[in-house]
């Protein structure tokens, strides 16, 4: 069974821009790969360590996976584990909470 909540780490400026526009089109890494990268709760710490180590002013978005519909796909990534990938922009209406890394 797939989790009902998935997580996206944003830098503070990205979060501010997403709030102002009402959606998040993705980071430069997301744009390069053609989808927005998400993590499950179990994958989140590894994602932060691998891609955001030592950074400050990060925001973890908690997202309702069902609100993303068919644009959300589960695909193999790091070590063959299935990661949630969103093929389209993330609407702010799907964000159900925010926290600082490690505060969940």
N, C-alpha and C. Protein backbone atom coordinates (compact mmCIF):
# COMPACT_ATOMS: atom_id res chain seq x y z
N UNK A 1 0.83 -1.18 0.00
CA UNK A 1 0.00 0.00 0.00
C UNK A 1 0.88 1.25 0.00
N UNK A 2 0.55 2.17 -0.86
CA UNK A 2 1.33 3.40 -0.97
C UNK A 2 0.89 4.39 0.10
N UNK A 3 1.84 5.19 0.59
CA UNK A 3 1.49 6.15 1.65
C UNK A 3 0.55 7.25 1.14
N UNK A 4 -0.24 7.78 2.05
CA UNK A 4 -1.17 8.85 1.68
C UNK A 4 -0.49 10.22 1.67
N UNK A 5 0.65 10.34 2.37
CA UNK A 5 1.39 11.59 2.41
C UNK A 5 2.78 11.37 1.81
N UNK A 6 3.23 12.35 1.02
CA UNK A 6 4.58 12.35 0.47
C UNK A 6 5.21 13.70 0.80
N UNK A 7 6.53 13.82 0.60
CA UNK A 7 7.26 14.99 1.08
C UNK A 7 8.17 15.57 0.01
N UNK A 8 8.24 16.90 0.01
CA UNK A 8 9.12 17.63 -0.90
C UNK A 8 9.91 18.63 -0.08
N UNK A 9 11.22 18.66 -0.28
CA UNK A 9 12.08 19.62 0.41
C UNK A 9 12.31 20.80 -0.52
N UNK A 10 12.05 21.99 -0.01
CA UNK A 10 12.28 23.21 -0.78
C UNK A 10 13.21 24.13 -0.01
N UNK A 11 13.96 24.91 -0.76
CA UNK A 11 14.73 25.99 -0.16
C UNK A 11 13.75 27.12 0.13
N UNK A 12 14.06 27.96 1.11
CA UNK A 12 13.15 29.01 1.54
C UNK A 12 12.64 29.88 0.41
N UNK A 13 13.52 30.29 -0.50
CA UNK A 13 13.10 31.14 -1.62
C UNK A 13 12.13 30.40 -2.55
N UNK A 14 12.34 29.11 -2.75
CA UNK A 14 11.43 28.33 -3.58
C UNK A 14 10.05 28.26 -2.93
N UNK A 15 10.01 28.08 -1.62
CA UNK A 15 8.75 28.01 -0.91
C UNK A 15 8.01 29.33 -1.01
N UNK A 16 8.71 30.44 -0.82
CA UNK A 16 8.07 31.77 -0.93
C UNK A 16 7.49 31.98 -2.32
N UNK A 17 8.24 31.60 -3.34
CA UNK A 17 7.77 31.75 -4.72
C UNK A 17 6.55 30.86 -4.98
N UNK A 18 6.58 29.64 -4.48
CA UNK A 18 5.44 28.72 -4.67
C UNK A 18 4.19 29.26 -4.00
N UNK A 19 4.33 29.79 -2.80
CA UNK A 19 3.18 30.36 -2.10
C UNK A 19 2.60 31.54 -2.88
N UNK A 20 3.47 32.38 -3.41
CA UNK A 20 3.02 33.57 -4.14
C UNK A 20 2.30 33.20 -5.44
N UNK A 21 2.78 32.13 -6.11
CA UNK A 21 2.21 31.77 -7.41
C UNK A 21 1.07 30.75 -7.31
N UNK A 22 0.98 30.06 -6.18
CA UNK A 22 -0.07 29.06 -6.00
C UNK A 22 0.31 27.67 -6.48
N UNK A 23 1.54 27.52 -7.00
CA UNK A 23 2.01 26.19 -7.42
C UNK A 23 3.53 26.20 -7.44
N UNK A 24 4.08 25.00 -7.51
CA UNK A 24 5.53 24.84 -7.60
C UNK A 24 5.83 24.01 -8.85
N UNK A 25 6.55 24.62 -9.79
CA UNK A 25 6.85 23.96 -11.06
C UNK A 25 8.07 23.06 -10.98
N UNK A 26 8.82 23.13 -9.88
CA UNK A 26 9.97 22.27 -9.71
C UNK A 26 11.27 23.04 -9.59
N UNK A 27 12.25 22.37 -9.04
CA UNK A 27 13.61 22.91 -8.90
C UNK A 27 14.36 22.71 -10.22
N UNK A 28 15.55 23.28 -10.35
CA UNK A 28 16.35 23.00 -11.54
C UNK A 28 16.60 21.49 -11.74
N UNK A 29 16.81 20.76 -10.65
CA UNK A 29 17.00 19.30 -10.77
C UNK A 29 15.72 18.62 -11.26
N UNK A 30 14.57 19.07 -10.76
CA UNK A 30 13.30 18.52 -11.23
C UNK A 30 13.13 18.78 -12.72
N UNK A 31 13.40 20.02 -13.15
CA UNK A 31 13.24 20.38 -14.56
C UNK A 31 14.16 19.53 -15.44
N UNK A 32 15.37 19.30 -14.98
CA UNK A 32 16.32 18.47 -15.73
C UNK A 32 15.80 17.05 -15.92
N UNK A 33 15.16 16.52 -14.88
CA UNK A 33 14.69 15.13 -14.91
C UNK A 33 13.28 14.98 -15.50
N UNK A 34 12.56 16.08 -15.65
CA UNK A 34 11.24 16.03 -16.28
C UNK A 34 10.10 15.72 -15.33
N UNK A 35 10.35 15.76 -14.02
CA UNK A 35 9.31 15.51 -13.02
C UNK A 35 9.77 16.10 -11.70
N UNK A 36 8.82 16.30 -10.79
CA UNK A 36 9.15 16.79 -9.45
C UNK A 36 9.41 15.59 -8.54
N UNK A 37 10.57 15.59 -7.91
CA UNK A 37 10.98 14.52 -7.01
C UNK A 37 10.31 14.68 -5.65
N UNK A 38 9.78 13.59 -5.12
CA UNK A 38 9.23 13.54 -3.77
C UNK A 38 9.87 12.37 -3.03
N UNK A 39 9.63 12.30 -1.73
CA UNK A 39 10.09 11.19 -0.90
C UNK A 39 8.94 10.74 -0.01
N UNK A 40 9.01 9.49 0.40
CA UNK A 40 8.11 9.00 1.45
C UNK A 40 8.71 9.43 2.79
N UNK A 41 7.97 9.24 3.86
CA UNK A 41 8.49 9.57 5.19
C UNK A 41 9.78 8.80 5.47
N UNK A 42 9.83 7.54 5.05
CA UNK A 42 11.01 6.71 5.29
C UNK A 42 12.21 7.15 4.45
N UNK A 43 11.98 7.73 3.31
CA UNK A 43 13.05 8.16 2.40
C UNK A 43 13.54 9.58 2.66
N UNK A 44 12.77 10.35 3.41
CA UNK A 44 13.02 11.78 3.55
C UNK A 44 14.39 12.10 4.14
N UNK A 45 14.78 11.45 5.21
CA UNK A 45 16.07 11.74 5.84
C UNK A 45 17.22 11.51 4.85
N UNK A 46 17.17 10.41 4.10
CA UNK A 46 18.21 10.13 3.11
C UNK A 46 18.25 11.17 2.02
N UNK A 47 17.09 11.65 1.60
CA UNK A 47 17.02 12.70 0.58
C UNK A 47 17.67 13.98 1.09
N UNK A 48 17.36 14.35 2.33
CA UNK A 48 17.94 15.56 2.90
C UNK A 48 19.45 15.42 3.03
N UNK A 49 19.92 14.30 3.51
CA UNK A 49 21.37 14.07 3.66
C UNK A 49 22.08 14.09 2.32
N UNK A 50 21.47 13.52 1.31
CA UNK A 50 22.11 13.40 0.01
C UNK A 50 22.09 14.69 -0.79
N UNK A 51 20.98 15.42 -0.74
CA UNK A 51 20.82 16.57 -1.64
C UNK A 51 20.82 17.94 -0.95
N UNK A 52 20.71 17.97 0.39
CA UNK A 52 20.59 19.26 1.08
C UNK A 52 21.51 19.35 2.30
N UNK A 53 22.52 18.50 2.39
CA UNK A 53 23.40 18.46 3.56
C UNK A 53 24.01 19.83 3.84
N UNK A 54 23.89 20.26 5.08
CA UNK A 54 24.49 21.50 5.52
C UNK A 54 23.72 22.76 5.16
N UNK A 55 22.64 22.62 4.42
CA UNK A 55 21.86 23.80 4.02
C UNK A 55 20.93 24.22 5.15
N UNK A 56 20.67 25.51 5.21
CA UNK A 56 19.74 26.06 6.18
C UNK A 56 18.55 26.63 5.42
N UNK A 57 17.52 27.03 6.17
CA UNK A 57 16.33 27.65 5.59
C UNK A 57 15.62 26.70 4.62
N UNK A 58 15.50 25.44 5.03
CA UNK A 58 14.77 24.45 4.24
C UNK A 58 13.37 24.28 4.81
N UNK A 59 12.44 23.96 3.93
CA UNK A 59 11.05 23.70 4.32
C UNK A 59 10.66 22.34 3.75
N UNK A 60 10.09 21.50 4.60
CA UNK A 60 9.58 20.20 4.15
C UNK A 60 8.08 20.33 3.96
N UNK A 61 7.62 20.10 2.74
CA UNK A 61 6.19 20.13 2.45
C UNK A 61 5.61 18.73 2.64
N UNK A 62 4.50 18.64 3.34
CA UNK A 62 3.75 17.40 3.47
C UNK A 62 2.60 17.51 2.48
N UNK A 63 2.52 16.55 1.57
CA UNK A 63 1.60 16.64 0.44
C UNK A 63 0.64 15.45 0.44
N UNK A 64 -0.62 15.73 0.19
CA UNK A 64 -1.64 14.70 0.04
C UNK A 64 -1.46 14.04 -1.32
N UNK A 65 -0.95 12.82 -1.32
CA UNK A 65 -0.64 12.12 -2.57
C UNK A 65 -1.88 11.95 -3.45
N UNK A 66 -3.03 11.66 -2.86
CA UNK A 66 -4.25 11.44 -3.64
C UNK A 66 -4.67 12.70 -4.40
N UNK A 67 -4.35 13.87 -3.88
CA UNK A 67 -4.73 15.12 -4.53
C UNK A 67 -3.99 15.35 -5.84
N UNK A 68 -2.94 14.57 -6.08
CA UNK A 68 -2.13 14.75 -7.29
C UNK A 68 -2.62 13.89 -8.45
N UNK A 69 -3.51 12.97 -8.17
CA UNK A 69 -4.12 12.17 -9.23
C UNK A 69 -3.13 11.35 -10.04
N UNK A 70 -3.46 11.19 -11.32
CA UNK A 70 -2.66 10.34 -12.21
C UNK A 70 -1.31 10.95 -12.57
N UNK A 71 -1.10 12.22 -12.25
CA UNK A 71 0.20 12.84 -12.54
C UNK A 71 1.30 12.33 -11.61
N UNK A 72 0.91 11.68 -10.50
CA UNK A 72 1.87 11.10 -9.55
C UNK A 72 2.15 9.66 -9.95
N UNK A 73 3.42 9.36 -10.13
CA UNK A 73 3.83 7.99 -10.49
C UNK A 73 4.90 7.53 -9.52
N UNK A 74 4.90 6.23 -9.24
CA UNK A 74 5.90 5.62 -8.37
C UNK A 74 6.91 4.90 -9.24
N UNK A 75 8.15 5.35 -9.19
CA UNK A 75 9.17 4.83 -10.10
C UNK A 75 10.46 4.49 -9.34
N UNK A 76 11.19 3.48 -9.82
CA UNK A 76 12.44 3.10 -9.15
C UNK A 76 13.48 4.21 -9.26
N UNK A 77 14.20 4.39 -8.16
CA UNK A 77 15.27 5.38 -8.12
C UNK A 77 16.39 4.81 -7.27
N UNK A 78 16.87 5.60 -6.32
CA UNK A 78 18.01 5.23 -5.48
C UNK A 78 17.89 3.80 -4.94
N UNK A 79 18.81 2.95 -5.32
CA UNK A 79 18.83 1.58 -4.83
C UNK A 79 17.65 0.74 -5.29
N UNK A 80 16.93 1.19 -6.31
CA UNK A 80 15.78 0.45 -6.81
C UNK A 80 14.49 0.69 -6.05
N UNK A 81 14.55 1.51 -4.99
CA UNK A 81 13.35 1.83 -4.22
C UNK A 81 12.39 2.67 -5.06
N UNK A 82 11.10 2.49 -4.83
CA UNK A 82 10.11 3.29 -5.54
C UNK A 82 9.97 4.65 -4.88
N UNK A 83 10.11 5.69 -5.69
CA UNK A 83 9.97 7.07 -5.23
C UNK A 83 8.79 7.70 -5.95
N UNK A 84 8.07 8.60 -5.27
CA UNK A 84 6.98 9.32 -5.93
C UNK A 84 7.52 10.45 -6.81
N UNK A 85 7.07 10.49 -8.05
CA UNK A 85 7.46 11.52 -9.02
C UNK A 85 6.20 12.16 -9.58
N UNK A 86 6.17 13.49 -9.60
CA UNK A 86 5.01 14.22 -10.09
C UNK A 86 5.31 14.79 -11.47
N UNK A 87 4.52 14.40 -12.45
CA UNK A 87 4.65 14.89 -13.82
C UNK A 87 3.67 16.04 -14.01
N UNK A 88 4.08 17.21 -13.57
CA UNK A 88 3.28 18.41 -13.62
C UNK A 88 3.62 19.28 -12.43
N UNK A 89 3.00 20.43 -12.34
CA UNK A 89 3.25 21.35 -11.23
C UNK A 89 2.54 20.88 -9.97
N UNK A 90 3.11 21.21 -8.83
CA UNK A 90 2.52 20.90 -7.54
C UNK A 90 1.60 22.05 -7.13
N UNK A 91 0.29 21.80 -7.07
CA UNK A 91 -0.62 22.86 -6.61
C UNK A 91 -0.51 23.03 -5.10
N UNK A 92 -0.49 24.25 -4.64
CA UNK A 92 -0.40 24.50 -3.20
C UNK A 92 -1.60 23.92 -2.46
N UNK A 93 -2.71 23.71 -3.14
CA UNK A 93 -3.88 23.11 -2.51
C UNK A 93 -3.63 21.67 -2.04
N UNK A 94 -2.60 21.01 -2.59
CA UNK A 94 -2.26 19.63 -2.19
C UNK A 94 -1.34 19.60 -0.97
N UNK A 95 -0.78 20.75 -0.59
CA UNK A 95 0.12 20.82 0.57
C UNK A 95 -0.73 20.90 1.82
N UNK A 96 -0.56 19.91 2.70
CA UNK A 96 -1.37 19.85 3.91
C UNK A 96 -0.60 20.25 5.16
N UNK A 97 0.70 20.47 5.03
CA UNK A 97 1.50 20.89 6.18
C UNK A 97 2.92 21.20 5.77
N UNK A 98 3.62 21.92 6.64
CA UNK A 98 5.03 22.22 6.43
C UNK A 98 5.77 22.08 7.75
N UNK A 99 7.07 21.82 7.66
CA UNK A 99 7.90 21.72 8.84
C UNK A 99 9.34 21.98 8.44
N UNK A 100 10.18 22.14 9.43
CA UNK A 100 11.62 22.20 9.20
C UNK A 100 12.14 20.77 9.17
N UNK A 101 13.23 20.51 8.44
CA UNK A 101 13.79 19.15 8.46
C UNK A 101 14.07 18.69 9.89
N UNK A 102 13.71 17.47 10.18
CA UNK A 102 13.94 16.91 11.50
C UNK A 102 12.86 17.25 12.52
N UNK A 103 11.92 18.11 12.16
CA UNK A 103 10.88 18.53 13.09
C UNK A 103 9.63 17.68 13.02
N UNK A 104 9.56 16.76 12.10
CA UNK A 104 8.35 15.94 11.95
C UNK A 104 8.25 14.92 13.03
